[in-house]
Amino acid sequence: MPSEPQSELSSQPELSPRLGRIRFRAWHRGTREADYMIGCFFDRFHAAWSENDIQWFENLLEEDDVDIMAWALKTFPVPERFAGSLMTRMQQLDYVDIPR
């Protein structure tokens, strides 16, 4: 299973146990594409999230990768429970940083 880039690990500040678990789940999805999309999204934006945003992301992590990716790529309608500013931000895809 792919793991997050080593440079990402060394540059991350210490996370709370909850955020650490969320980060692990975001980076260990099952496919490299989902790892980068969901993991990079967490890494780039979690520091500014409110409690509600964190709960939204935890709920999103319960969904199937193919669904999350379809919503982010705008190839399938976003369910009402995930619609909003965080999904709109996820759909911009400018946060995905794939090492070469």
N, C-alpha and C. Protein backbone atom coordinates (compact mmCIF):
# COMPACT_ATOMS: atom_id res chain seq x y z
N MET A 1 0.84 -1.18 0.00
CA MET A 1 0.00 0.00 0.00
C MET A 1 0.89 1.24 0.00
N PRO A 2 0.57 2.25 -0.81
CA PRO A 2 1.39 3.45 -0.85
C PRO A 2 1.35 4.18 0.49
N SER A 3 2.41 4.87 0.78
CA SER A 3 2.43 5.69 1.98
C SER A 3 2.77 7.11 1.59
N GLU A 4 2.53 8.01 2.53
CA GLU A 4 2.80 9.40 2.24
C GLU A 4 4.28 9.63 2.00
N PRO A 5 4.59 10.62 1.20
CA PRO A 5 5.99 10.91 0.91
C PRO A 5 6.77 11.21 2.18
N GLN A 6 8.01 10.77 2.24
CA GLN A 6 8.85 10.98 3.41
C GLN A 6 8.99 12.47 3.74
N SER A 7 9.09 13.31 2.72
CA SER A 7 9.23 14.74 2.98
C SER A 7 8.01 15.29 3.71
N GLU A 8 6.83 14.75 3.44
CA GLU A 8 5.62 15.17 4.13
C GLU A 8 5.70 14.80 5.60
N LEU A 9 6.21 13.62 5.90
CA LEU A 9 6.30 13.18 7.29
C LEU A 9 7.21 14.07 8.11
N SER A 10 8.34 14.42 7.56
CA SER A 10 9.32 15.18 8.32
C SER A 10 8.93 16.65 8.48
N SER A 11 8.05 17.16 7.62
CA SER A 11 7.69 18.57 7.68
C SER A 11 6.41 18.82 8.47
N GLN A 12 5.77 17.78 8.96
CA GLN A 12 4.51 17.94 9.68
C GLN A 12 4.76 18.21 11.16
N PRO A 13 4.05 19.20 11.73
CA PRO A 13 4.15 19.41 13.17
C PRO A 13 3.45 18.27 13.91
N GLU A 14 3.70 18.16 15.19
CA GLU A 14 3.07 17.14 16.01
C GLU A 14 1.55 17.34 16.01
N LEU A 15 0.82 16.26 15.79
CA LEU A 15 -0.64 16.31 15.75
C LEU A 15 -1.22 15.73 17.03
N SER A 16 -2.43 16.14 17.35
CA SER A 16 -3.15 15.51 18.47
C SER A 16 -3.41 14.05 18.09
N PRO A 17 -3.68 13.20 19.07
CA PRO A 17 -3.97 11.80 18.72
C PRO A 17 -5.12 11.66 17.73
N ARG A 18 -6.16 12.46 17.89
CA ARG A 18 -7.30 12.39 16.96
C ARG A 18 -6.87 12.75 15.55
N LEU A 19 -6.18 13.88 15.40
CA LEU A 19 -5.74 14.30 14.07
C LEU A 19 -4.72 13.33 13.50
N GLY A 20 -3.92 12.74 14.35
CA GLY A 20 -2.96 11.73 13.88
C GLY A 20 -3.67 10.53 13.28
N ARG A 21 -4.74 10.08 13.95
CA ARG A 21 -5.52 8.96 13.41
C ARG A 21 -6.19 9.34 12.10
N ILE A 22 -6.72 10.55 12.04
CA ILE A 22 -7.37 11.02 10.82
C ILE A 22 -6.35 11.09 9.69
N ARG A 23 -5.18 11.62 9.98
CA ARG A 23 -4.14 11.72 8.95
C ARG A 23 -3.75 10.33 8.45
N PHE A 24 -3.59 9.38 9.34
CA PHE A 24 -3.25 8.02 8.94
C PHE A 24 -4.33 7.47 8.01
N ARG A 25 -5.58 7.64 8.38
CA ARG A 25 -6.68 7.14 7.54
C ARG A 25 -6.74 7.87 6.20
N ALA A 26 -6.40 9.14 6.18
CA ALA A 26 -6.41 9.91 4.93
C ALA A 26 -5.33 9.42 3.97
N TRP A 27 -4.19 8.99 4.51
CA TRP A 27 -3.06 8.57 3.68
C TRP A 27 -3.02 7.07 3.40
N HIS A 28 -3.89 6.30 4.01
CA HIS A 28 -3.89 4.85 3.81
C HIS A 28 -5.26 4.38 3.34
N ARG A 29 -5.59 4.75 2.10
CA ARG A 29 -6.91 4.49 1.57
C ARG A 29 -7.01 3.19 0.78
N GLY A 30 -5.94 2.78 0.15
CA GLY A 30 -6.00 1.56 -0.63
C GLY A 30 -5.51 1.72 -2.06
N THR A 31 -5.56 2.94 -2.56
CA THR A 31 -4.99 3.21 -3.89
C THR A 31 -4.12 4.45 -3.79
N ARG A 32 -3.11 4.49 -4.60
CA ARG A 32 -2.21 5.64 -4.60
C ARG A 32 -2.95 6.93 -4.94
N GLU A 33 -3.86 6.86 -5.91
CA GLU A 33 -4.61 8.05 -6.31
C GLU A 33 -5.43 8.61 -5.15
N ALA A 34 -6.13 7.73 -4.45
CA ALA A 34 -6.93 8.18 -3.31
C ALA A 34 -6.04 8.68 -2.18
N ASP A 35 -4.92 8.00 -1.95
CA ASP A 35 -3.99 8.45 -0.91
C ASP A 35 -3.56 9.89 -1.16
N TYR A 36 -3.16 10.17 -2.39
CA TYR A 36 -2.69 11.53 -2.69
C TYR A 36 -3.82 12.55 -2.64
N MET A 37 -4.97 12.21 -3.18
CA MET A 37 -6.07 13.18 -3.18
C MET A 37 -6.52 13.48 -1.75
N ILE A 38 -6.80 12.46 -0.99
CA ILE A 38 -7.36 12.65 0.35
C ILE A 38 -6.28 13.03 1.36
N GLY A 39 -5.12 12.39 1.27
CA GLY A 39 -4.03 12.71 2.18
C GLY A 39 -3.49 14.12 1.99
N CYS A 40 -3.28 14.51 0.75
CA CYS A 40 -2.79 15.87 0.49
C CYS A 40 -3.81 16.92 0.93
N PHE A 41 -5.10 16.62 0.73
CA PHE A 41 -6.14 17.55 1.17
C PHE A 41 -6.05 17.76 2.68
N PHE A 42 -5.93 16.66 3.42
CA PHE A 42 -5.79 16.78 4.87
C PHE A 42 -4.55 17.58 5.23
N ASP A 43 -3.41 17.21 4.68
CA ASP A 43 -2.17 17.89 5.03
C ASP A 43 -2.21 19.38 4.75
N ARG A 44 -2.79 19.75 3.63
CA ARG A 44 -2.79 21.16 3.23
C ARG A 44 -3.73 22.00 4.09
N PHE A 45 -4.87 21.45 4.52
CA PHE A 45 -5.90 22.31 5.09
C PHE A 45 -6.29 22.05 6.54
N HIS A 46 -5.92 20.93 7.13
CA HIS A 46 -6.46 20.59 8.45
C HIS A 46 -6.14 21.62 9.54
N ALA A 47 -5.03 22.31 9.44
CA ALA A 47 -4.64 23.25 10.50
C ALA A 47 -5.66 24.37 10.70
N ALA A 48 -6.40 24.69 9.67
CA ALA A 48 -7.38 25.78 9.75
C ALA A 48 -8.81 25.29 10.01
N TRP A 49 -9.00 23.99 10.18
CA TRP A 49 -10.34 23.44 10.32
C TRP A 49 -10.92 23.66 11.70
N SER A 50 -12.22 23.90 11.71
CA SER A 50 -12.99 23.97 12.95
C SER A 50 -13.35 22.54 13.38
N GLU A 51 -13.95 22.41 14.53
CA GLU A 51 -14.42 21.10 14.99
C GLU A 51 -15.42 20.51 13.99
N ASN A 52 -16.31 21.34 13.45
CA ASN A 52 -17.28 20.86 12.46
C ASN A 52 -16.58 20.38 11.19
N ASP A 53 -15.54 21.07 10.78
CA ASP A 53 -14.79 20.66 9.59
C ASP A 53 -14.10 19.31 9.82
N ILE A 54 -13.53 19.15 11.00
CA ILE A 54 -12.86 17.89 11.32
C ILE A 54 -13.88 16.75 11.31
N GLN A 55 -15.05 16.99 11.89
CA GLN A 55 -16.10 15.97 11.89
C GLN A 55 -16.55 15.65 10.47
N TRP A 56 -16.68 16.67 9.62
CA TRP A 56 -17.04 16.47 8.21
C TRP A 56 -16.02 15.55 7.54
N PHE A 57 -14.74 15.81 7.78
CA PHE A 57 -13.70 15.01 7.15
C PHE A 57 -13.71 13.58 7.70
N GLU A 58 -13.91 13.43 8.99
CA GLU A 58 -14.01 12.08 9.55
C GLU A 58 -15.16 11.31 8.91
N ASN A 59 -16.29 11.97 8.73
CA ASN A 59 -17.43 11.34 8.07
C ASN A 59 -17.09 10.99 6.62
N LEU A 60 -16.40 11.88 5.94
CA LEU A 60 -16.00 11.63 4.56
C LEU A 60 -15.12 10.39 4.47
N LEU A 61 -14.23 10.21 5.44
CA LEU A 61 -13.32 9.06 5.43
C LEU A 61 -14.06 7.73 5.54
N GLU A 62 -15.29 7.75 5.98
CA GLU A 62 -16.10 6.53 6.07
C GLU A 62 -16.64 6.10 4.70
N GLU A 63 -16.58 6.99 3.74
CA GLU A 63 -17.12 6.71 2.41
C GLU A 63 -16.10 5.94 1.56
N ASP A 64 -16.59 5.31 0.51
CA ASP A 64 -15.71 4.59 -0.42
C ASP A 64 -14.86 5.57 -1.21
N ASP A 65 -13.63 5.18 -1.46
CA ASP A 65 -12.70 6.03 -2.21
C ASP A 65 -13.25 6.42 -3.57
N VAL A 66 -13.85 5.48 -4.27
CA VAL A 66 -14.37 5.78 -5.61
C VAL A 66 -15.42 6.87 -5.55
N ASP A 67 -16.22 6.90 -4.49
CA ASP A 67 -17.23 7.95 -4.35
C ASP A 67 -16.58 9.29 -4.04
N ILE A 68 -15.65 9.30 -3.09
CA ILE A 68 -14.96 10.55 -2.74
C ILE A 68 -14.28 11.14 -3.97
N MET A 69 -13.60 10.29 -4.71
CA MET A 69 -12.88 10.77 -5.90
C MET A 69 -13.85 11.28 -6.96
N ALA A 70 -14.97 10.59 -7.13
CA ALA A 70 -15.97 11.04 -8.11
C ALA A 70 -16.55 12.40 -7.73
N TRP A 71 -16.77 12.61 -6.44
CA TRP A 71 -17.29 13.91 -5.99
C TRP A 71 -16.24 14.99 -6.20
N ALA A 72 -14.99 14.68 -5.85
CA ALA A 72 -13.92 15.67 -5.99
C ALA A 72 -13.65 15.99 -7.46
N LEU A 73 -13.79 15.01 -8.33
CA LEU A 73 -13.56 15.22 -9.77
C LEU A 73 -14.80 15.73 -10.50
N LYS A 74 -15.89 15.88 -9.75
CA LYS A 74 -17.16 16.38 -10.28
C LYS A 74 -17.75 15.46 -11.34
N THR A 75 -17.49 14.17 -11.23
CA THR A 75 -18.07 13.22 -12.18
C THR A 75 -19.32 12.56 -11.62
N PHE A 76 -19.64 12.85 -10.37
CA PHE A 76 -20.84 12.32 -9.74
C PHE A 76 -21.35 13.37 -8.77
N PRO A 77 -22.67 13.55 -8.65
CA PRO A 77 -23.20 14.57 -7.74
C PRO A 77 -22.80 14.32 -6.29
N VAL A 78 -22.48 15.39 -5.61
CA VAL A 78 -22.09 15.33 -4.20
C VAL A 78 -23.35 15.19 -3.35
N PRO A 79 -23.40 14.21 -2.46
CA PRO A 79 -24.56 14.11 -1.56
C PRO A 79 -24.68 15.35 -0.69
N GLU A 80 -25.88 15.69 -0.35
CA GLU A 80 -26.15 16.90 0.45
C GLU A 80 -25.29 16.94 1.72
N ARG A 81 -25.09 15.80 2.36
CA ARG A 81 -24.35 15.79 3.64
C ARG A 81 -22.88 16.17 3.46
N PHE A 82 -22.36 16.11 2.23
CA PHE A 82 -20.97 16.49 1.99
C PHE A 82 -20.84 17.77 1.15
N ALA A 83 -21.95 18.31 0.70
CA ALA A 83 -21.90 19.55 -0.08
C ALA A 83 -21.51 20.71 0.83
N GLY A 84 -20.81 21.68 0.28
CA GLY A 84 -20.43 22.85 1.05
C GLY A 84 -19.02 23.30 0.73
N SER A 85 -18.51 24.18 1.56
CA SER A 85 -17.24 24.83 1.26
C SER A 85 -16.05 23.86 1.25
N LEU A 86 -16.05 22.85 2.12
CA LEU A 86 -14.92 21.92 2.11
C LEU A 86 -14.90 21.06 0.85
N MET A 87 -16.07 20.62 0.41
CA MET A 87 -16.10 19.84 -0.83
C MET A 87 -15.76 20.73 -2.02
N THR A 88 -16.24 21.95 -2.02
CA THR A 88 -15.88 22.88 -3.09
C THR A 88 -14.37 23.07 -3.13
N ARG A 89 -13.76 23.16 -1.97
CA ARG A 89 -12.29 23.29 -1.91
C ARG A 89 -11.61 22.02 -2.41
N MET A 90 -12.14 20.88 -2.02
CA MET A 90 -11.57 19.60 -2.46
C MET A 90 -11.65 19.48 -3.98
N GLN A 91 -12.69 20.01 -4.58
CA GLN A 91 -12.88 19.90 -6.03
C GLN A 91 -11.90 20.75 -6.83
N GLN A 92 -11.18 21.64 -6.20
CA GLN A 92 -10.20 22.47 -6.92
C GLN A 92 -8.95 21.69 -7.28
N LEU A 93 -8.64 20.65 -6.51
CA LEU A 93 -7.55 19.72 -6.79
C LEU A 93 -6.15 20.35 -6.88
N ASP A 94 -5.99 21.59 -6.51
CA ASP A 94 -4.70 22.25 -6.60
C ASP A 94 -3.78 21.91 -5.42
N TYR A 95 -4.26 21.14 -4.49
CA TYR A 95 -3.51 20.75 -3.31
C TYR A 95 -2.76 19.43 -3.49
N VAL A 96 -3.04 18.70 -4.57
CA VAL A 96 -2.43 17.40 -4.78
C VAL A 96 -1.00 17.60 -5.25
N ASP A 97 -0.07 17.07 -4.46
CA ASP A 97 1.36 17.21 -4.75
C ASP A 97 1.96 15.81 -4.89
N ILE A 98 2.11 15.36 -6.12
CA ILE A 98 2.61 14.02 -6.37
C ILE A 98 4.13 14.12 -6.64
N PRO A 99 4.92 13.48 -5.78
CA PRO A 99 6.38 13.53 -5.99
C PRO A 99 6.77 12.81 -7.27
N ARG A 100 7.83 13.27 -7.87
CA ARG A 100 8.30 12.66 -9.13
C ARG A 100 9.51 11.81 -8.89
